[in-house]
Amino acid sequence: VVVASMSVAGGWAPTPDVLLRRAVHRRLEREVRRLRRAGTAVVRIEPSARVIRAMGINAMADDRAEDVVREAFLDTGRRTADPRVAAPLAALADRASHRDDLVSTLAG
């Protein structure tokens, strides 16, 4: 799971920092291709235009923190509800649960 808060979903958003976000998005694209070629499943979480609008140019501004958290939470929920994203996440959760059960059995 890759959380790339300085990227932009889809590679573009109408914001003043779009050039920086596009550069981060392109680099992420290259890294994800490398990982997938090596057989690693990758789930990307990148902010949508809605989240970026909530962030504004200063993502750390205290006066927008509540809006940013809300929009990021909702956006991530929408993204992870997509079956193409939900399936790999469910498989990852199953593996983690199995690992935890094994550790408990060995420790017990």
N, C-alpha and C. Protein backbone atom coordinates (compact mmCIF):
# COMPACT_ATOMS: atom_id res chain seq x y z
N VAL A 1 0.86 -1.17 0.00
CA VAL A 1 0.00 0.00 0.00
C VAL A 1 0.91 1.23 0.00
N VAL A 2 0.69 2.09 -0.99
CA VAL A 2 1.47 3.32 -1.11
C VAL A 2 0.54 4.50 -0.88
N VAL A 3 0.86 5.32 0.10
CA VAL A 3 0.13 6.56 0.34
C VAL A 3 1.04 7.69 -0.11
N ALA A 4 0.61 8.36 -1.19
CA ALA A 4 1.45 9.39 -1.80
C ALA A 4 0.71 10.72 -1.74
N SER A 5 0.81 11.38 -0.61
CA SER A 5 0.03 12.61 -0.39
C SER A 5 0.50 13.78 -1.25
N MET A 6 1.72 13.74 -1.77
CA MET A 6 2.18 14.83 -2.63
C MET A 6 1.97 14.55 -4.11
N SER A 7 1.37 13.41 -4.43
CA SER A 7 1.03 13.09 -5.80
C SER A 7 -0.37 13.64 -6.09
N VAL A 8 -0.96 13.21 -7.18
CA VAL A 8 -2.34 13.58 -7.51
C VAL A 8 -2.95 12.42 -8.29
N ALA A 9 -4.12 11.99 -7.86
CA ALA A 9 -4.82 10.89 -8.54
C ALA A 9 -5.07 11.29 -9.99
N GLY A 10 -4.73 10.40 -10.90
CA GLY A 10 -4.93 10.68 -12.31
C GLY A 10 -3.84 11.54 -12.93
N GLY A 11 -2.94 12.07 -12.12
CA GLY A 11 -1.81 12.83 -12.64
C GLY A 11 -2.05 14.30 -12.90
N TRP A 12 -3.28 14.80 -12.60
CA TRP A 12 -3.52 16.22 -12.87
C TRP A 12 -4.62 16.74 -11.96
N ALA A 13 -4.49 17.98 -11.53
CA ALA A 13 -5.52 18.71 -10.80
C ALA A 13 -5.28 20.19 -11.03
N PRO A 14 -6.34 20.97 -11.10
CA PRO A 14 -6.19 22.41 -11.35
C PRO A 14 -5.74 23.16 -10.09
N THR A 15 -4.48 23.02 -9.74
CA THR A 15 -3.96 23.65 -8.53
C THR A 15 -2.64 24.36 -8.83
N PRO A 16 -2.26 25.32 -8.00
CA PRO A 16 -1.00 26.03 -8.23
C PRO A 16 0.23 25.11 -8.17
N ASP A 17 0.13 24.01 -7.41
CA ASP A 17 1.29 23.12 -7.27
C ASP A 17 1.21 21.90 -8.17
N VAL A 18 0.43 21.99 -9.25
CA VAL A 18 0.22 20.85 -10.13
C VAL A 18 1.53 20.32 -10.74
N LEU A 19 2.49 21.18 -11.03
CA LEU A 19 3.75 20.70 -11.62
C LEU A 19 4.50 19.79 -10.65
N LEU A 20 4.55 20.17 -9.39
CA LEU A 20 5.18 19.33 -8.38
C LEU A 20 4.42 18.02 -8.23
N ARG A 21 3.09 18.10 -8.14
CA ARG A 21 2.28 16.90 -7.98
C ARG A 21 2.40 15.97 -9.18
N ARG A 22 2.46 16.51 -10.37
CA ARG A 22 2.64 15.68 -11.58
C ARG A 22 4.00 14.98 -11.55
N ALA A 23 5.03 15.69 -11.12
CA ALA A 23 6.37 15.09 -11.03
C ALA A 23 6.37 13.93 -10.04
N VAL A 24 5.72 14.12 -8.89
CA VAL A 24 5.64 13.05 -7.89
C VAL A 24 4.82 11.89 -8.46
N HIS A 25 3.74 12.20 -9.15
CA HIS A 25 2.89 11.17 -9.76
C HIS A 25 3.69 10.35 -10.78
N ARG A 26 4.46 11.01 -11.62
CA ARG A 26 5.25 10.30 -12.63
C ARG A 26 6.30 9.40 -11.98
N ARG A 27 6.94 9.88 -10.94
CA ARG A 27 7.92 9.05 -10.25
C ARG A 27 7.24 7.84 -9.62
N LEU A 28 6.09 8.07 -9.02
CA LEU A 28 5.32 6.96 -8.43
C LEU A 28 4.95 5.94 -9.51
N GLU A 29 4.55 6.43 -10.67
CA GLU A 29 4.22 5.53 -11.80
C GLU A 29 5.41 4.61 -12.10
N ARG A 30 6.59 5.18 -12.18
CA ARG A 30 7.78 4.37 -12.48
C ARG A 30 8.04 3.34 -11.38
N GLU A 31 7.93 3.74 -10.13
CA GLU A 31 8.19 2.83 -9.02
C GLU A 31 7.15 1.72 -8.97
N VAL A 32 5.89 2.05 -9.22
CA VAL A 32 4.83 1.04 -9.21
C VAL A 32 5.04 0.04 -10.35
N ARG A 33 5.42 0.52 -11.53
CA ARG A 33 5.69 -0.40 -12.65
C ARG A 33 6.79 -1.38 -12.28
N ARG A 34 7.85 -0.88 -11.65
CA ARG A 34 8.96 -1.74 -11.22
C ARG A 34 8.48 -2.80 -10.23
N LEU A 35 7.70 -2.39 -9.26
CA LEU A 35 7.19 -3.34 -8.27
C LEU A 35 6.27 -4.38 -8.90
N ARG A 36 5.40 -3.95 -9.78
CA ARG A 36 4.48 -4.90 -10.43
C ARG A 36 5.22 -5.87 -11.33
N ARG A 37 6.24 -5.39 -12.02
CA ARG A 37 7.05 -6.30 -12.85
C ARG A 37 7.71 -7.38 -12.00
N ALA A 38 8.03 -7.04 -10.76
CA ALA A 38 8.65 -7.99 -9.84
C ALA A 38 7.61 -8.88 -9.16
N GLY A 39 6.32 -8.69 -9.51
CA GLY A 39 5.28 -9.56 -8.96
C GLY A 39 4.62 -9.05 -7.69
N THR A 40 4.86 -7.82 -7.32
CA THR A 40 4.28 -7.25 -6.11
C THR A 40 2.98 -6.53 -6.44
N ALA A 41 1.92 -6.89 -5.74
CA ALA A 41 0.65 -6.18 -5.89
C ALA A 41 0.78 -4.81 -5.22
N VAL A 42 0.27 -3.78 -5.86
CA VAL A 42 0.40 -2.42 -5.33
C VAL A 42 -0.97 -1.75 -5.31
N VAL A 43 -1.31 -1.15 -4.18
CA VAL A 43 -2.50 -0.32 -4.06
C VAL A 43 -2.01 1.09 -3.79
N ARG A 44 -2.45 2.02 -4.63
CA ARG A 44 -2.03 3.42 -4.53
C ARG A 44 -3.14 4.25 -3.91
N ILE A 45 -2.77 5.08 -2.96
CA ILE A 45 -3.70 6.06 -2.40
C ILE A 45 -3.09 7.42 -2.68
N GLU A 46 -3.72 8.15 -3.60
CA GLU A 46 -3.28 9.49 -3.98
C GLU A 46 -4.45 10.45 -3.80
N PRO A 47 -4.20 11.68 -3.41
CA PRO A 47 -5.30 12.61 -3.21
C PRO A 47 -5.99 12.98 -4.52
N SER A 48 -7.31 13.04 -4.44
CA SER A 48 -8.10 13.50 -5.58
C SER A 48 -8.08 15.02 -5.62
N ALA A 49 -8.64 15.57 -6.67
CA ALA A 49 -8.73 17.04 -6.79
C ALA A 49 -9.50 17.62 -5.61
N ARG A 50 -10.51 16.91 -5.13
CA ARG A 50 -11.31 17.39 -3.99
C ARG A 50 -10.44 17.51 -2.73
N VAL A 51 -9.60 16.51 -2.49
CA VAL A 51 -8.71 16.54 -1.32
C VAL A 51 -7.69 17.67 -1.47
N ILE A 52 -7.15 17.80 -2.66
CA ILE A 52 -6.14 18.84 -2.90
C ILE A 52 -6.75 20.23 -2.72
N ARG A 53 -8.00 20.41 -3.14
CA ARG A 53 -8.67 21.69 -2.91
C ARG A 53 -8.79 21.97 -1.41
N ALA A 54 -9.12 20.94 -0.64
CA ALA A 54 -9.22 21.11 0.82
C ALA A 54 -7.86 21.47 1.42
N MET A 55 -6.77 20.86 0.88
CA MET A 55 -5.42 21.14 1.39
C MET A 55 -5.00 22.56 1.12
N GLY A 56 -5.33 23.06 -0.06
CA GLY A 56 -4.82 24.36 -0.47
C GLY A 56 -3.33 24.26 -0.75
N ILE A 57 -2.68 25.35 -0.89
CA ILE A 57 -1.25 25.36 -1.23
C ILE A 57 -0.39 24.95 -0.03
N ASN A 58 -0.90 25.17 1.18
CA ASN A 58 -0.17 24.78 2.40
C ASN A 58 -0.93 23.65 3.08
N ALA A 59 -0.55 22.42 2.78
CA ALA A 59 -1.26 21.24 3.29
C ALA A 59 -1.21 21.13 4.81
N MET A 60 -0.30 21.85 5.45
CA MET A 60 -0.15 21.77 6.90
C MET A 60 -0.84 22.91 7.65
N ALA A 61 -1.62 23.72 6.96
CA ALA A 61 -2.28 24.86 7.60
C ALA A 61 -3.29 24.39 8.65
N ASP A 62 -3.16 24.88 9.85
CA ASP A 62 -4.04 24.48 10.96
C ASP A 62 -5.51 24.79 10.68
N ASP A 63 -5.78 25.89 10.02
CA ASP A 63 -7.17 26.29 9.83
C ASP A 63 -7.93 25.40 8.85
N ARG A 64 -7.23 24.54 8.10
CA ARG A 64 -7.91 23.64 7.17
C ARG A 64 -7.77 22.17 7.57
N ALA A 65 -7.12 21.89 8.68
CA ALA A 65 -6.82 20.51 9.06
C ALA A 65 -8.07 19.64 9.13
N GLU A 66 -9.12 20.14 9.73
CA GLU A 66 -10.35 19.35 9.87
C GLU A 66 -10.93 19.01 8.50
N ASP A 67 -10.97 19.98 7.60
CA ASP A 67 -11.49 19.73 6.24
C ASP A 67 -10.61 18.74 5.49
N VAL A 68 -9.30 18.87 5.64
CA VAL A 68 -8.37 17.96 4.95
C VAL A 68 -8.55 16.54 5.45
N VAL A 69 -8.63 16.36 6.75
CA VAL A 69 -8.81 15.02 7.31
C VAL A 69 -10.12 14.41 6.83
N ARG A 70 -11.20 15.19 6.86
CA ARG A 70 -12.51 14.69 6.41
C ARG A 70 -12.46 14.29 4.94
N GLU A 71 -11.96 15.16 4.09
CA GLU A 71 -11.93 14.86 2.66
C GLU A 71 -11.01 13.67 2.35
N ALA A 72 -9.86 13.60 3.02
CA ALA A 72 -8.94 12.48 2.79
C ALA A 72 -9.58 11.17 3.25
N PHE A 73 -10.26 11.19 4.38
CA PHE A 73 -10.94 10.00 4.89
C PHE A 73 -12.01 9.53 3.91
N LEU A 74 -12.86 10.45 3.47
CA LEU A 74 -13.93 10.09 2.52
C LEU A 74 -13.36 9.62 1.19
N ASP A 75 -12.33 10.31 0.71
CA ASP A 75 -11.72 9.96 -0.57
C ASP A 75 -11.09 8.56 -0.50
N THR A 76 -10.41 8.26 0.60
CA THR A 76 -9.80 6.95 0.77
C THR A 76 -10.88 5.87 0.85
N GLY A 77 -11.97 6.17 1.51
CA GLY A 77 -13.10 5.23 1.56
C GLY A 77 -13.66 4.93 0.19
N ARG A 78 -13.83 5.98 -0.62
CA ARG A 78 -14.33 5.77 -1.99
C ARG A 78 -13.34 4.93 -2.79
N ARG A 79 -12.07 5.24 -2.64
CA ARG A 79 -11.03 4.53 -3.40
C ARG A 79 -10.97 3.06 -3.01
N THR A 80 -11.00 2.77 -1.72
CA THR A 80 -10.87 1.39 -1.27
C THR A 80 -12.16 0.59 -1.46
N ALA A 81 -13.27 1.25 -1.73
CA ALA A 81 -14.52 0.55 -2.03
C ALA A 81 -14.52 0.00 -3.46
N ASP A 82 -13.68 0.52 -4.32
CA ASP A 82 -13.57 0.03 -5.69
C ASP A 82 -13.11 -1.42 -5.65
N PRO A 83 -13.83 -2.34 -6.29
CA PRO A 83 -13.47 -3.77 -6.24
C PRO A 83 -12.02 -4.05 -6.68
N ARG A 84 -11.49 -3.24 -7.59
CA ARG A 84 -10.10 -3.45 -8.03
C ARG A 84 -9.11 -3.15 -6.92
N VAL A 85 -9.53 -2.37 -5.94
CA VAL A 85 -8.68 -2.04 -4.80
C VAL A 85 -9.06 -2.90 -3.59
N ALA A 86 -10.35 -3.12 -3.42
CA ALA A 86 -10.82 -3.88 -2.26
C ALA A 86 -10.29 -5.31 -2.26
N ALA A 87 -10.23 -5.96 -3.40
CA ALA A 87 -9.79 -7.36 -3.45
C ALA A 87 -8.34 -7.53 -2.98
N PRO A 88 -7.38 -6.75 -3.50
CA PRO A 88 -6.02 -6.92 -2.98
C PRO A 88 -5.89 -6.56 -1.51
N LEU A 89 -6.67 -5.57 -1.05
CA LEU A 89 -6.61 -5.22 0.36
C LEU A 89 -7.17 -6.34 1.23
N ALA A 90 -8.24 -6.99 0.77
CA ALA A 90 -8.82 -8.11 1.53
C ALA A 90 -7.82 -9.25 1.61
N ALA A 91 -7.12 -9.52 0.51
CA ALA A 91 -6.11 -10.59 0.52
C ALA A 91 -4.99 -10.26 1.50
N LEU A 92 -4.60 -9.02 1.54
CA LEU A 92 -3.55 -8.58 2.46
C LEU A 92 -4.02 -8.74 3.92
N ALA A 93 -5.26 -8.37 4.19
CA ALA A 93 -5.82 -8.50 5.54
C ALA A 93 -5.90 -9.97 5.94
N ASP A 94 -6.27 -10.85 5.00
CA ASP A 94 -6.32 -12.28 5.29
C ASP A 94 -4.95 -12.82 5.66
N ARG A 95 -3.94 -12.40 4.91
CA ARG A 95 -2.57 -12.85 5.21
C ARG A 95 -2.12 -12.36 6.58
N ALA A 96 -2.45 -11.12 6.90
CA ALA A 96 -2.08 -10.57 8.20
C ALA A 96 -2.79 -11.31 9.32
N SER A 97 -4.05 -11.64 9.13
CA SER A 97 -4.81 -12.37 10.14
C SER A 97 -4.22 -13.77 10.34
N HIS A 98 -3.89 -14.43 9.25
CA HIS A 98 -3.28 -15.76 9.33
C HIS A 98 -1.94 -15.68 10.07
N ARG A 99 -1.15 -14.67 9.76
CA ARG A 99 0.14 -14.49 10.44
C ARG A 99 -0.06 -14.28 11.92
N ASP A 100 -1.04 -13.46 12.29
CA ASP A 100 -1.30 -13.19 13.71
C ASP A 100 -1.74 -14.46 14.44
N ASP A 101 -2.58 -15.26 13.77
CA ASP A 101 -3.01 -16.54 14.37
C ASP A 101 -1.81 -17.46 14.58
N LEU A 102 -0.94 -17.52 13.62
CA LEU A 102 0.24 -18.38 13.72
C LEU A 102 1.14 -17.91 14.87
N VAL A 103 1.37 -16.61 14.96
CA VAL A 103 2.20 -16.08 16.03
C VAL A 103 1.58 -16.38 17.39
N SER A 104 0.26 -16.24 17.52
CA SER A 104 -0.41 -16.54 18.78
C SER A 104 -0.28 -18.00 19.15
N THR A 105 -0.40 -18.88 18.14
CA THR A 105 -0.28 -20.33 18.39
C THR A 105 1.14 -20.67 18.84
N LEU A 106 2.12 -20.10 18.18
CA LEU A 106 3.52 -20.38 18.53
C LEU A 106 3.87 -19.81 19.90
N ALA A 107 3.30 -18.66 20.24
CA ALA A 107 3.61 -18.02 21.51
C ALA A 107 2.86 -18.68 22.67
N GLY A 108 1.71 -19.32 22.37
CA GLY A 108 0.83 -19.83 23.37
C GLY A 108 1.25 -21.03 24.06
